[in-house]
């Protein structure tokens, strides 16, 4: 597929993954239009001011149709979502945006002749892997056909929209790619964190970036699939431009497990003097695992460019750049 028939429209374009996808498409010379709920492009879109920007709340179906009619996209990369523990504690808001808003995107795409919707799903609806071959200590990569076990509202919403996507494909022929991102880390999390935890690897890196010590009593032995945000964005771009997306759902990670001790070892090499104290044991999240990314490699041409050391090195560079921008 190409964008010859229209640009790629990205919802959530001012966010962490969305802003990186915008920049990658611009770098490749692919026409792109950006949309987000914030009134004007965020600091994360600095450097791509030439990209047309549209304010959009995906709950507003009429406005969504208007934006699509203006931009005439060939593909939509849908990354607008509500995340965070508050939305797990208040499921109505989670459902209204993450489910209702996504159905709006599917329906608007169908009515407007958009051929494909690529959207962010999650690895977090996978089941508990402790005591299995996919858990500690072996971490055999988990394939997409693993039976899901969504528990929290965020997980439930992501699995729900995957099932709606399959229905829209069956009923209307709307192509889709659901990208089940692993534990992605990004310097841009600094803008969104707001003092809340954004996952173990992000918490560690943000503490290092701020020159603060990072101390946890346990969890250092827990393996997880750490994927850099630029690889997540690269997967979205690959899925948008792929000739076809026959399987629909795709794991997006590095295909191997690392743990916090591994992360700390890389940080100590790159940031001498960084203070990190990490106790042994496992983290409580049920789904921590390595992801089998064979399907994404085969069908989308996805290939992670950032192993752990390369990803953390680039994270540090991007954090310093973002720090300069925020300080004005």
C-alpha atoms as a PDB file:
ATOM      1  CA  UNK A   1       0.000   0.000   0.000  1.00  0.00           C
ATOM      2  CA  UNK A   2       1.148   3.559  -0.618  1.00  0.00           C
ATOM      3  CA  UNK A   3      -0.099   6.979   0.378  1.00  0.00           C
ATOM      4  CA  UNK A   4      -0.465   8.008  -3.289  1.00  0.00           C
ATOM      5  CA  UNK A   5      -4.228   8.318  -2.932  1.00  0.00           C
ATOM      6  CA  UNK A   6      -4.097  10.563   0.101  1.00  0.00           C
ATOM      7  CA  UNK A   7      -2.112  11.310   3.238  1.00  0.00           C
ATOM      8  CA  UNK A   8      -1.938   9.198   6.357  1.00  0.00           C
ATOM      9  CA  UNK A   9      -4.039  10.730   9.126  1.00  0.00           C
ATOM     10  CA  UNK A  10      -2.706  10.202  12.650  1.00  0.00           C
ATOM     11  CA  UNK A  11      -4.972  10.642  15.660  1.00  0.00           C
ATOM     12  CA  UNK A  12      -3.173  11.184  18.942  1.00  0.00           C
ATOM     13  CA  UNK A  13      -0.463  12.844  16.875  1.00  0.00           C
ATOM     14  CA  UNK A  14       0.657  15.091  19.732  1.00  0.00           C
ATOM     15  CA  UNK A  15       1.296  12.086  21.968  1.00  0.00           C
ATOM     16  CA  UNK A  16       4.311   9.925  22.633  1.00  0.00           C
ATOM     17  CA  UNK A  17       4.016   7.355  19.840  1.00  0.00           C
ATOM     18  CA  UNK A  18       1.990   9.585  17.515  1.00  0.00           C
ATOM     19  CA  UNK A  19       4.537  12.396  17.400  1.00  0.00           C
ATOM     20  CA  UNK A  20       7.282   9.930  16.518  1.00  0.00           C
ATOM     21  CA  UNK A  21       5.134   8.411  13.766  1.00  0.00           C
ATOM     22  CA  UNK A  22       4.530  11.883  12.310  1.00  0.00           C
ATOM     23  CA  UNK A  23       8.257  12.579  12.245  1.00  0.00           C
ATOM     24  CA  UNK A  24       9.088   9.230  10.639  1.00  0.00           C
ATOM     25  CA  UNK A  25       6.521   9.707   7.879  1.00  0.00           C
ATOM     26  CA  UNK A  26       7.800  13.233   7.192  1.00  0.00           C
ATOM     27  CA  UNK A  27      11.367  11.890   7.025  1.00  0.00           C
ATOM     28  CA  UNK A  28      10.223   9.293   4.472  1.00  0.00           C
ATOM     29  CA  UNK A  29       8.463  11.908   2.372  1.00  0.00           C
ATOM     30  CA  UNK A  30       5.023  10.408   3.005  1.00  0.00           C
ATOM     31  CA  UNK A  31       2.159  12.948   3.178  1.00  0.00           C
ATOM     32  CA  UNK A  32       0.711  13.094   6.680  1.00  0.00           C
ATOM     33  CA  UNK A  33      -1.986  14.984   8.570  1.00  0.00           C
ATOM     34  CA  UNK A  34      -2.011  15.270  12.357  1.00  0.00           C
ATOM     35  CA  UNK A  35      -4.975  15.349  14.727  1.00  0.00           C
ATOM     36  CA  UNK A  36      -5.234  15.512  18.496  1.00  0.00           C
ATOM     37  CA  UNK A  37      -7.507  16.780  21.246  1.00  0.00           C
ATOM     38  CA  UNK A  38      -5.108  19.519  22.365  1.00  0.00           C
ATOM     39  CA  UNK A  39      -5.786  22.967  20.937  1.00  0.00           C
ATOM     40  CA  UNK A  40      -2.429  23.310  19.184  1.00  0.00           C
ATOM     41  CA  UNK A  41       0.494  21.021  18.370  1.00  0.00           C
ATOM     42  CA  UNK A  42       2.380  19.979  21.489  1.00  0.00           C
ATOM     43  CA  UNK A  43       6.070  20.423  22.148  1.00  0.00           C
ATOM     44  CA  UNK A  44       6.489  16.844  20.935  1.00  0.00           C
ATOM     45  CA  UNK A  45       5.685  17.987  17.382  1.00  0.00           C
ATOM     46  CA  UNK A  46       8.439  20.594  17.365  1.00  0.00           C
ATOM     47  CA  UNK A  47      10.276  20.450  14.048  1.00  0.00           C
ATOM     48  CA  UNK A  48       7.339  19.287  11.942  1.00  0.00           C
ATOM     49  CA  UNK A  49       5.262  22.455  12.020  1.00  0.00           C
ATOM     50  CA  UNK A  50       4.559  22.148   8.289  1.00  0.00           C
ATOM     51  CA  UNK A  51       2.294  19.148   8.924  1.00  0.00           C
ATOM     52  CA  UNK A  52      -1.401  20.151   8.817  1.00  0.00           C
ATOM     53  CA  UNK A  53      -2.826  19.965  12.336  1.00  0.00           C
ATOM     54  CA  UNK A  54      -6.485  19.466  13.278  1.00  0.00           C
ATOM     55  CA  UNK A  55      -7.980  19.648  16.728  1.00  0.00           C
ATOM     56  CA  UNK A  56     -10.085  16.518  17.187  1.00  0.00           C
ATOM     57  CA  UNK A  57     -11.945  14.804  19.989  1.00  0.00           C
ATOM     58  CA  UNK A  58     -12.634  11.303  18.674  1.00  0.00           C
ATOM     59  CA  UNK A  59     -15.852  11.151  20.693  1.00  0.00           C
ATOM     60  CA  UNK A  60     -17.272  13.815  18.356  1.00  0.00           C
ATOM     61  CA  UNK A  61     -18.313  11.794  15.319  1.00  0.00           C
ATOM     62  CA  UNK A  62     -19.397  14.805  13.251  1.00  0.00           C
ATOM     63  CA  UNK A  63     -16.061  16.524  13.804  1.00  0.00           C
ATOM     64  CA  UNK A  64     -14.209  13.309  13.017  1.00  0.00           C
ATOM     65  CA  UNK A  65     -16.057  13.034   9.710  1.00  0.00           C
ATOM     66  CA  UNK A  66     -15.244  16.667   8.976  1.00  0.00           C
ATOM     67  CA  UNK A  67     -11.521  16.133   9.575  1.00  0.00           C
ATOM     68  CA  UNK A  68     -11.507  13.028   7.379  1.00  0.00           C
ATOM     69  CA  UNK A  69     -13.366  14.841   4.604  1.00  0.00           C
ATOM     70  CA  UNK A  70     -10.834  17.690   4.762  1.00  0.00           C
ATOM     71  CA  UNK A  71      -7.731  15.504   4.809  1.00  0.00           C
ATOM     72  CA  UNK A  72      -8.980  12.666   2.560  1.00  0.00           C
ATOM     73  CA  UNK A  73      -6.624  10.060   4.069  1.00  0.00           C
ATOM     74  CA  UNK A  74      -5.800   6.731   2.486  1.00  0.00           C
ATOM     75  CA  UNK A  75      -4.992   5.210   5.888  1.00  0.00           C
ATOM     76  CA  UNK A  76      -5.644   6.226   9.499  1.00  0.00           C
ATOM     77  CA  UNK A  77      -3.120   5.538  12.249  1.00  0.00           C
ATOM     78  CA  UNK A  78      -5.309   5.757  15.326  1.00  0.00           C
ATOM     79  CA  UNK A  79      -3.280   6.431  18.486  1.00  0.00           C
ATOM     80  CA  UNK A  80      -5.643   8.694  20.435  1.00  0.00           C
ATOM     81  CA  UNK A  81      -6.489   7.079  23.786  1.00  0.00           C
ATOM     82  CA  UNK A  82      -6.835   7.667  27.500  1.00  0.00           C
ATOM     83  CA  UNK A  83      -4.230   5.926  29.621  1.00  0.00           C
ATOM     84  CA  UNK A  84      -3.374   5.850  33.303  1.00  0.00           C
ATOM     85  CA  UNK A  85      -4.682   4.310  36.490  1.00  0.00           C
ATOM     86  CA  UNK A  86      -7.363   7.004  36.926  1.00  0.00           C
ATOM     87  CA  UNK A  87      -9.162   5.628  33.871  1.00  0.00           C
ATOM     88  CA  UNK A  88      -9.004   2.109  35.281  1.00  0.00           C
ATOM     89  CA  UNK A  89     -10.660   3.401  38.426  1.00  0.00           C
ATOM     90  CA  UNK A  90     -13.257   5.304  36.372  1.00  0.00           C
ATOM     91  CA  UNK A  91     -14.199   2.843  33.606  1.00  0.00           C
ATOM     92  CA  UNK A  92     -16.856   5.020  31.992  1.00  0.00           C
ATOM     93  CA  UNK A  93     -14.292   7.537  30.728  1.00  0.00           C
ATOM     94  CA  UNK A  94     -12.052   4.709  29.554  1.00  0.00           C
ATOM     95  CA  UNK A  95     -14.918   3.084  27.643  1.00  0.00           C
ATOM     96  CA  UNK A  96     -16.213   6.333  26.164  1.00  0.00           C
ATOM     97  CA  UNK A  97     -12.869   7.236  24.567  1.00  0.00           C
ATOM     98  CA  UNK A  98     -10.979   3.983  24.087  1.00  0.00           C
ATOM     99  CA  UNK A  99     -13.931   1.932  22.876  1.00  0.00           C
ATOM    100  CA  UNK A 100     -16.535   4.442  21.726  1.00  0.00           C
ATOM    101  CA  UNK A 101     -13.982   6.764  20.141  1.00  0.00           C
ATOM    102  CA  UNK A 102     -12.311   3.896  18.290  1.00  0.00           C
ATOM    103  CA  UNK A 103     -15.638   2.625  16.953  1.00  0.00           C
ATOM    104  CA  UNK A 104     -16.186   6.174  15.698  1.00  0.00           C
ATOM    105  CA  UNK A 105     -12.880   5.928  13.834  1.00  0.00           C
ATOM    106  CA  UNK A 106     -13.842   2.574  12.286  1.00  0.00           C
ATOM    107  CA  UNK A 107     -17.256   3.847  11.247  1.00  0.00           C
ATOM    108  CA  UNK A 108     -15.932   7.125   9.850  1.00  0.00           C
ATOM    109  CA  UNK A 109     -13.247   5.215   7.921  1.00  0.00           C
ATOM    110  CA  UNK A 110     -15.893   2.896   6.473  1.00  0.00           C
ATOM    111  CA  UNK A 111     -18.189   5.728   5.426  1.00  0.00           C
ATOM    112  CA  UNK A 112     -15.315   7.748   3.936  1.00  0.00           C
ATOM    113  CA  UNK A 113     -13.702   4.962   1.928  1.00  0.00           C
ATOM    114  CA  UNK A 114     -10.520   4.800   4.023  1.00  0.00           C
ATOM    115  CA  UNK A 115      -8.943   1.442   3.269  1.00  0.00           C
ATOM    116  CA  UNK A 116      -7.152   0.652   6.536  1.00  0.00           C
ATOM    117  CA  UNK A 117      -7.007   1.622  10.203  1.00  0.00           C
ATOM    118  CA  UNK A 118      -3.837   0.930  12.174  1.00  0.00           C
ATOM    119  CA  UNK A 119      -4.311   1.269  15.923  1.00  0.00           C
ATOM    120  CA  UNK A 120      -2.550   0.772  19.234  1.00  0.00           C
ATOM    121  CA  UNK A 121      -3.483  -2.319  21.163  1.00  0.00           C
ATOM    122  CA  UNK A 122      -1.550  -3.775  24.096  1.00  0.00           C
ATOM    123  CA  UNK A 123       0.313  -6.804  25.340  1.00  0.00           C
ATOM    124  CA  UNK A 124      -1.231  -6.287  28.788  1.00  0.00           C
ATOM    125  CA  UNK A 125      -4.325  -8.396  28.087  1.00  0.00           C
ATOM    126  CA  UNK A 126      -2.185 -11.518  27.861  1.00  0.00           C
ATOM    127  CA  UNK A 127      -2.655 -13.928  30.802  1.00  0.00           C
ATOM    128  CA  UNK A 128      -0.551 -14.753  33.827  1.00  0.00           C
ATOM    129  CA  UNK A 129       2.646 -16.467  32.657  1.00  0.00           C
ATOM    130  CA  UNK A 130       4.257 -17.384  35.960  1.00  0.00           C
ATOM    131  CA  UNK A 131       4.937 -21.098  36.116  1.00  0.00           C
ATOM    132  CA  UNK A 132       4.714 -21.494  32.331  1.00  0.00           C
ATOM    133  CA  UNK A 133       7.311 -21.657  29.578  1.00  0.00           C
ATOM    134  CA  UNK A 134       6.519 -18.022  28.741  1.00  0.00           C
ATOM    135  CA  UNK A 135       7.326 -16.807  32.245  1.00  0.00           C
ATOM    136  CA  UNK A 136      10.355 -16.572  34.508  1.00  0.00           C
ATOM    137  CA  UNK A 137      13.027 -17.728  33.907  1.00  0.00           C
ATOM    138  CA  UNK A 138      12.744 -19.129  30.361  1.00  0.00           C
ATOM    139  CA  UNK A 139      10.566 -16.465  28.666  1.00  0.00           C
ATOM    140  CA  UNK A 140       9.727 -18.346  25.499  1.00  0.00           C
ATOM    141  CA  UNK A 141       8.225 -15.662  23.203  1.00  0.00           C
ATOM    142  CA  UNK A 142       4.446 -15.368  23.317  1.00  0.00           C
ATOM    143  CA  UNK A 143       2.559 -15.605  19.983  1.00  0.00           C
ATOM    144  CA  UNK A 144      -0.555 -13.608  19.104  1.00  0.00           C
ATOM    145  CA  UNK A 145      -2.869 -16.616  19.284  1.00  0.00           C
ATOM    146  CA  UNK A 146      -2.305 -16.923  23.036  1.00  0.00           C
ATOM    147  CA  UNK A 147      -5.747 -16.804  24.704  1.00  0.00           C
ATOM    148  CA  UNK A 148      -6.244 -13.327  26.201  1.00  0.00           C
ATOM    149  CA  UNK A 149      -7.179 -12.616  29.789  1.00  0.00           C
ATOM    150  CA  UNK A 150      -8.026  -8.917  30.089  1.00  0.00           C
ATOM    151  CA  UNK A 151      -8.633  -7.792  33.668  1.00  0.00           C
ATOM    152  CA  UNK A 152      -8.310  -4.004  34.036  1.00  0.00           C
ATOM    153  CA  UNK A 153     -10.615  -1.675  32.073  1.00  0.00           C
ATOM    154  CA  UNK A 154      -7.731  -0.547  29.834  1.00  0.00           C
ATOM    155  CA  UNK A 155      -6.986  -4.151  28.865  1.00  0.00           C
ATOM    156  CA  UNK A 156     -10.676  -4.873  28.376  1.00  0.00           C
ATOM    157  CA  UNK A 157     -11.066  -1.846  26.101  1.00  0.00           C
ATOM    158  CA  UNK A 158      -8.088  -2.775  23.938  1.00  0.00           C
ATOM    159  CA  UNK A 159      -9.222  -6.360  23.469  1.00  0.00           C
ATOM    160  CA  UNK A 160     -12.757  -5.142  22.762  1.00  0.00           C
ATOM    161  CA  UNK A 161     -11.651  -2.850  19.935  1.00  0.00           C
ATOM    162  CA  UNK A 162      -9.627  -5.670  18.384  1.00  0.00           C
ATOM    163  CA  UNK A 163     -12.787  -7.751  18.211  1.00  0.00           C
ATOM    164  CA  UNK A 164     -14.718  -4.826  16.713  1.00  0.00           C
ATOM    165  CA  UNK A 165     -11.940  -4.459  14.132  1.00  0.00           C
ATOM    166  CA  UNK A 166     -12.328  -8.088  13.083  1.00  0.00           C
ATOM    167  CA  UNK A 167     -16.104  -7.528  12.780  1.00  0.00           C
ATOM    168  CA  UNK A 168     -15.642  -4.407  10.641  1.00  0.00           C
ATOM    169  CA  UNK A 169     -13.287  -6.344   8.397  1.00  0.00           C
ATOM    170  CA  UNK A 170     -15.717  -9.240   8.083  1.00  0.00           C
ATOM    171  CA  UNK A 171     -18.765  -7.033   7.512  1.00  0.00           C
ATOM    172  CA  UNK A 172     -17.318  -4.117   5.541  1.00  0.00           C
ATOM    173  CA  UNK A 173     -13.864  -5.158   4.309  1.00  0.00           C
ATOM    174  CA  UNK A 174     -12.083  -2.533   6.407  1.00  0.00           C
ATOM    175  CA  UNK A 175      -8.445  -3.565   6.718  1.00  0.00           C
ATOM    176  CA  UNK A 176      -6.789  -3.133  10.098  1.00  0.00           C
ATOM    177  CA  UNK A 177      -3.624  -3.717  12.061  1.00  0.00           C
ATOM    178  CA  UNK A 178      -3.825  -3.913  15.852  1.00  0.00           C
ATOM    179  CA  UNK A 179      -0.355  -3.313  17.286  1.00  0.00           C
ATOM    180  CA  UNK A 180       0.161  -4.999  20.641  1.00  0.00           C
ATOM    181  CA  UNK A 181       2.974  -2.840  22.007  1.00  0.00           C
ATOM    182  CA  UNK A 182       5.242  -4.308  24.673  1.00  0.00           C
ATOM    183  CA  UNK A 183       6.784  -2.312  27.521  1.00  0.00           C
ATOM    184  CA  UNK A 184       7.691   0.736  25.501  1.00  0.00           C
ATOM    185  CA  UNK A 185       9.977   3.400  26.886  1.00  0.00           C
ATOM    186  CA  UNK A 186      10.240   6.986  25.699  1.00  0.00           C
ATOM    187  CA  UNK A 187      11.869  10.203  26.836  1.00  0.00           C
ATOM    188  CA  UNK A 188       8.605  11.888  25.864  1.00  0.00           C
ATOM    189  CA  UNK A 189       7.027  10.188  28.873  1.00  0.00           C
ATOM    190  CA  UNK A 190       8.487  13.103  30.818  1.00  0.00           C
ATOM    191  CA  UNK A 191       5.748  15.323  29.427  1.00  0.00           C
ATOM    192  CA  UNK A 192       2.968  12.882  30.342  1.00  0.00           C
ATOM    193  CA  UNK A 193       4.069  11.251  33.591  1.00  0.00           C
ATOM    194  CA  UNK A 194       2.833  13.968  35.964  1.00  0.00           C
ATOM    195  CA  UNK A 195       4.350  12.226  38.955  1.00  0.00           C
ATOM    196  CA  UNK A 196       2.601   8.894  38.317  1.00  0.00           C
ATOM    197  CA  UNK A 197       4.309   5.608  37.534  1.00  0.00           C
ATOM    198  CA  UNK A 198       4.605   4.917  33.808  1.00  0.00           C
ATOM    199  CA  UNK A 199       6.098   1.445  34.134  1.00  0.00           C
ATOM    200  CA  UNK A 200       9.297   0.178  35.710  1.00  0.00           C
ATOM    201  CA  UNK A 201      11.674   0.912  32.832  1.00  0.00           C
ATOM    202  CA  UNK A 202      10.269   4.404  32.305  1.00  0.00           C
ATOM    203  CA  UNK A 203      10.339   5.162  36.040  1.00  0.00           C
ATOM    204  CA  UNK A 204      14.000   4.138  36.193  1.00  0.00           C
ATOM    205  CA  UNK A 205      15.023   6.155  33.148  1.00  0.00           C
ATOM    206  CA  UNK A 206      13.064   9.246  34.175  1.00  0.00           C
ATOM    207  CA  UNK A 207      14.733   9.176  37.593  1.00  0.00           C
ATOM    208  CA  UNK A 208      18.145   8.996  35.916  1.00  0.00           C
ATOM    209  CA  UNK A 209      17.250  11.815  33.532  1.00  0.00           C
ATOM    210  CA  UNK A 210      16.252  14.001  36.461  1.00  0.00           C
ATOM    211  CA  UNK A 211      19.432  13.158  38.351  1.00  0.00           C
ATOM    212  CA  UNK A 212      17.473  11.363  41.065  1.00  0.00           C
ATOM    213  CA  UNK A 213      18.238   7.998  42.677  1.00  0.00           C
ATOM    214  CA  UNK A 214      16.086   5.033  41.690  1.00  0.00           C
ATOM    215  CA  UNK A 215      15.411   2.503  44.425  1.00  0.00           C
ATOM    216  CA  UNK A 216      13.018  -0.445  44.430  1.00  0.00           C
ATOM    217  CA  UNK A 217      12.973  -3.296  46.906  1.00  0.00           C
ATOM    218  CA  UNK A 218      12.035  -5.977  44.417  1.00  0.00           C
ATOM    219  CA  UNK A 219      11.469  -6.723  40.765  1.00  0.00           C
ATOM    220  CA  UNK A 220      14.987  -6.839  39.382  1.00  0.00           C
ATOM    221  CA  UNK A 221      14.645 -10.381  38.050  1.00  0.00           C
ATOM    222  CA  UNK A 222      11.377  -9.813  36.191  1.00  0.00           C
ATOM    223  CA  UNK A 223      11.758 -10.174  32.446  1.00  0.00           C
ATOM    224  CA  UNK A 224       9.733  -8.053  30.041  1.00  0.00           C
ATOM    225  CA  UNK A 225       9.852  -7.123  26.376  1.00  0.00           C
ATOM    226  CA  UNK A 226      11.290  -3.598  26.331  1.00  0.00           C
ATOM    227  CA  UNK A 227      10.666  -1.777  23.044  1.00  0.00           C
ATOM    228  CA  UNK A 228      11.810   1.737  22.253  1.00  0.00           C
ATOM    229  CA  UNK A 229       9.151   4.247  21.217  1.00  0.00           C
ATOM    230  CA  UNK A 230      10.763   4.854  17.837  1.00  0.00           C
ATOM    231  CA  UNK A 231      10.309   1.161  17.053  1.00  0.00           C
ATOM    232  CA  UNK A 232       6.640   1.407  18.093  1.00  0.00           C
ATOM    233  CA  UNK A 233       6.230   4.341  15.712  1.00  0.00           C
ATOM    234  CA  UNK A 234       8.145   2.451  13.039  1.00  0.00           C
ATOM    235  CA  UNK A 235       5.730  -0.451  13.405  1.00  0.00           C
ATOM    236  CA  UNK A 236       2.747   1.883  12.944  1.00  0.00           C
ATOM    237  CA  UNK A 237       4.311   3.339   9.815  1.00  0.00           C
ATOM    238  CA  UNK A 238       5.167  -0.131   8.487  1.00  0.00           C
ATOM    239  CA  UNK A 239       1.600  -1.313   9.093  1.00  0.00           C
ATOM    240  CA  UNK A 240       0.191   1.742   7.327  1.00  0.00           C
ATOM    241  CA  UNK A 241       2.392   1.209   4.262  1.00  0.00           C
ATOM    242  CA  UNK A 242       2.346  -2.607   4.138  1.00  0.00           C
ATOM    243  CA  UNK A 243       0.846  -4.255   1.070  1.00  0.00           C
ATOM    244  CA  UNK A 244      -1.583  -6.155   3.298  1.00  0.00           C
ATOM    245  CA  UNK A 245      -2.267  -6.881   6.964  1.00  0.00           C
ATOM    246  CA  UNK A 246      -3.907 -10.309   6.743  1.00  0.00           C
ATOM    247  CA  UNK A 247      -3.510 -11.450  10.346  1.00  0.00           C
ATOM    248  CA  UNK A 248      -4.860  -8.245  11.865  1.00  0.00           C
ATOM    249  CA  UNK A 249      -3.155  -8.463  15.265  1.00  0.00           C
ATOM    250  CA  UNK A 250       0.604  -8.064  15.703  1.00  0.00           C
ATOM    251  CA  UNK A 251       2.995  -8.196  18.640  1.00  0.00           C
ATOM    252  CA  UNK A 252       5.395  -5.250  18.621  1.00  0.00           C
ATOM    253  CA  UNK A 253       8.499  -5.612  20.757  1.00  0.00           C
ATOM    254  CA  UNK A 254      12.095  -6.754  20.539  1.00  0.00           C
ATOM    255  CA  UNK A 255      11.274 -10.447  20.743  1.00  0.00           C
ATOM    256  CA  UNK A 256      13.343 -11.062  23.850  1.00  0.00           C
ATOM    257  CA  UNK A 257      13.089 -10.468  27.593  1.00  0.00           C
ATOM    258  CA  UNK A 258      15.290  -8.094  29.559  1.00  0.00           C
ATOM    259  CA  UNK A 259      15.028  -7.139  33.227  1.00  0.00           C
ATOM    260  CA  UNK A 260      15.720  -4.105  35.408  1.00  0.00           C
ATOM    261  CA  UNK A 261      19.214  -5.382  36.220  1.00  0.00           C
ATOM    262  CA  UNK A 262      19.947  -5.363  32.470  1.00  0.00           C
ATOM    263  CA  UNK A 263      18.564  -1.833  32.153  1.00  0.00           C
ATOM    264  CA  UNK A 264      20.620  -0.635  35.123  1.00  0.00           C
ATOM    265  CA  UNK A 265      23.809  -2.173  33.703  1.00  0.00           C
ATOM    266  CA  UNK A 266      23.375  -0.228  30.447  1.00  0.00           C
ATOM    267  CA  UNK A 267      22.580   2.986  32.319  1.00  0.00           C
ATOM    268  CA  UNK A 268      25.684   2.655  34.494  1.00  0.00           C
ATOM    269  CA  UNK A 269      27.773   2.342  31.347  1.00  0.00           C
ATOM    270  CA  UNK A 270      26.191   5.402  29.721  1.00  0.00           C
ATOM    271  CA  UNK A 271      25.646   7.540  32.826  1.00  0.00           C
ATOM    272  CA  UNK A 272      28.514   6.977  35.270  1.00  0.00           C
ATOM    273  CA  UNK A 273      27.455   7.847  38.790  1.00  0.00           C
ATOM    274  CA  UNK A 274      23.767   7.118  38.305  1.00  0.00           C
ATOM    275  CA  UNK A 275      22.349   5.794  41.582  1.00  0.00           C
ATOM    276  CA  UNK A 276      20.165   2.708  41.192  1.00  0.00           C
ATOM    277  CA  UNK A 277      19.364   0.124  43.848  1.00  0.00           C
ATOM    278  CA  UNK A 278      17.198  -2.729  42.593  1.00  0.00           C
ATOM    279  CA  UNK A 279      16.146  -5.653  44.726  1.00  0.00           C
ATOM    280  CA  UNK A 280      15.616  -9.193  43.438  1.00  0.00           C
ATOM    281  CA  UNK A 281      12.340 -10.900  42.657  1.00  0.00           C
ATOM    282  CA  UNK A 282       9.476 -10.425  40.248  1.00  0.00           C
ATOM    283  CA  UNK A 283       7.093  -7.596  39.403  1.00  0.00           C
ATOM    284  CA  UNK A 284       3.364  -8.044  40.093  1.00  0.00           C
ATOM    285  CA  UNK A 285       2.014  -7.492  36.557  1.00  0.00           C
ATOM    286  CA  UNK A 286       0.624 -10.732  35.151  1.00  0.00           C
ATOM    287  CA  UNK A 287       1.567 -10.279  31.510  1.00  0.00           C
ATOM    288  CA  UNK A 288       5.331  -9.648  31.649  1.00  0.00           C
ATOM    289  CA  UNK A 289       6.917 -11.780  28.946  1.00  0.00           C
ATOM    290  CA  UNK A 290       8.842 -11.762  25.682  1.00  0.00           C
ATOM    291  CA  UNK A 291       6.774 -11.255  22.535  1.00  0.00           C
ATOM    292  CA  UNK A 292       6.980 -13.377  19.410  1.00  0.00           C
ATOM    293  CA  UNK A 293       7.318 -10.773  16.633  1.00  0.00           C
ATOM    294  CA  UNK A 294       7.581 -13.227  13.733  1.00  0.00           C
ATOM    295  CA  UNK A 295       4.176 -12.243  12.333  1.00  0.00           C
ATOM    296  CA  UNK A 296       5.016  -8.517  12.300  1.00  0.00           C
ATOM    297  CA  UNK A 297       8.360  -9.220  10.654  1.00  0.00           C
ATOM    298  CA  UNK A 298       6.806 -11.421   7.977  1.00  0.00           C
ATOM    299  CA  UNK A 299       3.665  -9.450   7.130  1.00  0.00           C
ATOM    300  CA  UNK A 300       4.571  -5.842   7.960  1.00  0.00           C
ATOM    301  CA  UNK A 301       8.301  -5.828   7.374  1.00  0.00           C
ATOM    302  CA  UNK A 302       8.756  -4.677  10.976  1.00  0.00           C
ATOM    303  CA  UNK A 303      12.254  -4.953  12.373  1.00  0.00           C
ATOM    304  CA  UNK A 304      13.247  -3.323  15.673  1.00  0.00           C
ATOM    305  CA  UNK A 305      16.164  -0.957  15.146  1.00  0.00           C
ATOM    306  CA  UNK A 306      16.931  -0.347  18.809  1.00  0.00           C
ATOM    307  CA  UNK A 307      18.236  -3.057  21.077  1.00  0.00           C
ATOM    308  CA  UNK A 308      18.416  -2.120  24.742  1.00  0.00           C
ATOM    309  CA  UNK A 309      21.717  -0.258  24.659  1.00  0.00           C
ATOM    310  CA  UNK A 310      20.904   1.630  21.454  1.00  0.00           C
ATOM    311  CA  UNK A 311      17.447   2.488  22.735  1.00  0.00           C
ATOM    312  CA  UNK A 312      18.645   3.829  26.078  1.00  0.00           C
ATOM    313  CA  UNK A 313      21.428   5.820  24.387  1.00  0.00           C
ATOM    314  CA  UNK A 314      18.875   7.448  22.093  1.00  0.00           C
ATOM    315  CA  UNK A 315      16.493   7.945  25.040  1.00  0.00           C
ATOM    316  CA  UNK A 316      19.188   9.952  26.830  1.00  0.00           C
ATOM    317  CA  UNK A 317      19.814  12.065  23.736  1.00  0.00           C
ATOM    318  CA  UNK A 318      16.110  12.738  23.266  1.00  0.00           C
ATOM    319  CA  UNK A 319      15.650  13.510  26.954  1.00  0.00           C
ATOM    320  CA  UNK A 320      18.386  16.163  26.815  1.00  0.00           C
ATOM    321  CA  UNK A 321      16.871  17.648  23.665  1.00  0.00           C
ATOM    322  CA  UNK A 322      13.417  17.744  25.203  1.00  0.00           C
ATOM    323  CA  UNK A 323      14.820  19.249  28.391  1.00  0.00           C
ATOM    324  CA  UNK A 324      16.320  22.118  26.398  1.00  0.00           C
ATOM    325  CA  UNK A 325      13.014  22.720  24.622  1.00  0.00           C
ATOM    326  CA  UNK A 326      10.995  22.708  27.842  1.00  0.00           C
ATOM    327  CA  UNK A 327      13.410  25.076  29.531  1.00  0.00           C
ATOM    328  CA  UNK A 328      12.988  27.470  26.618  1.00  0.00           C
END
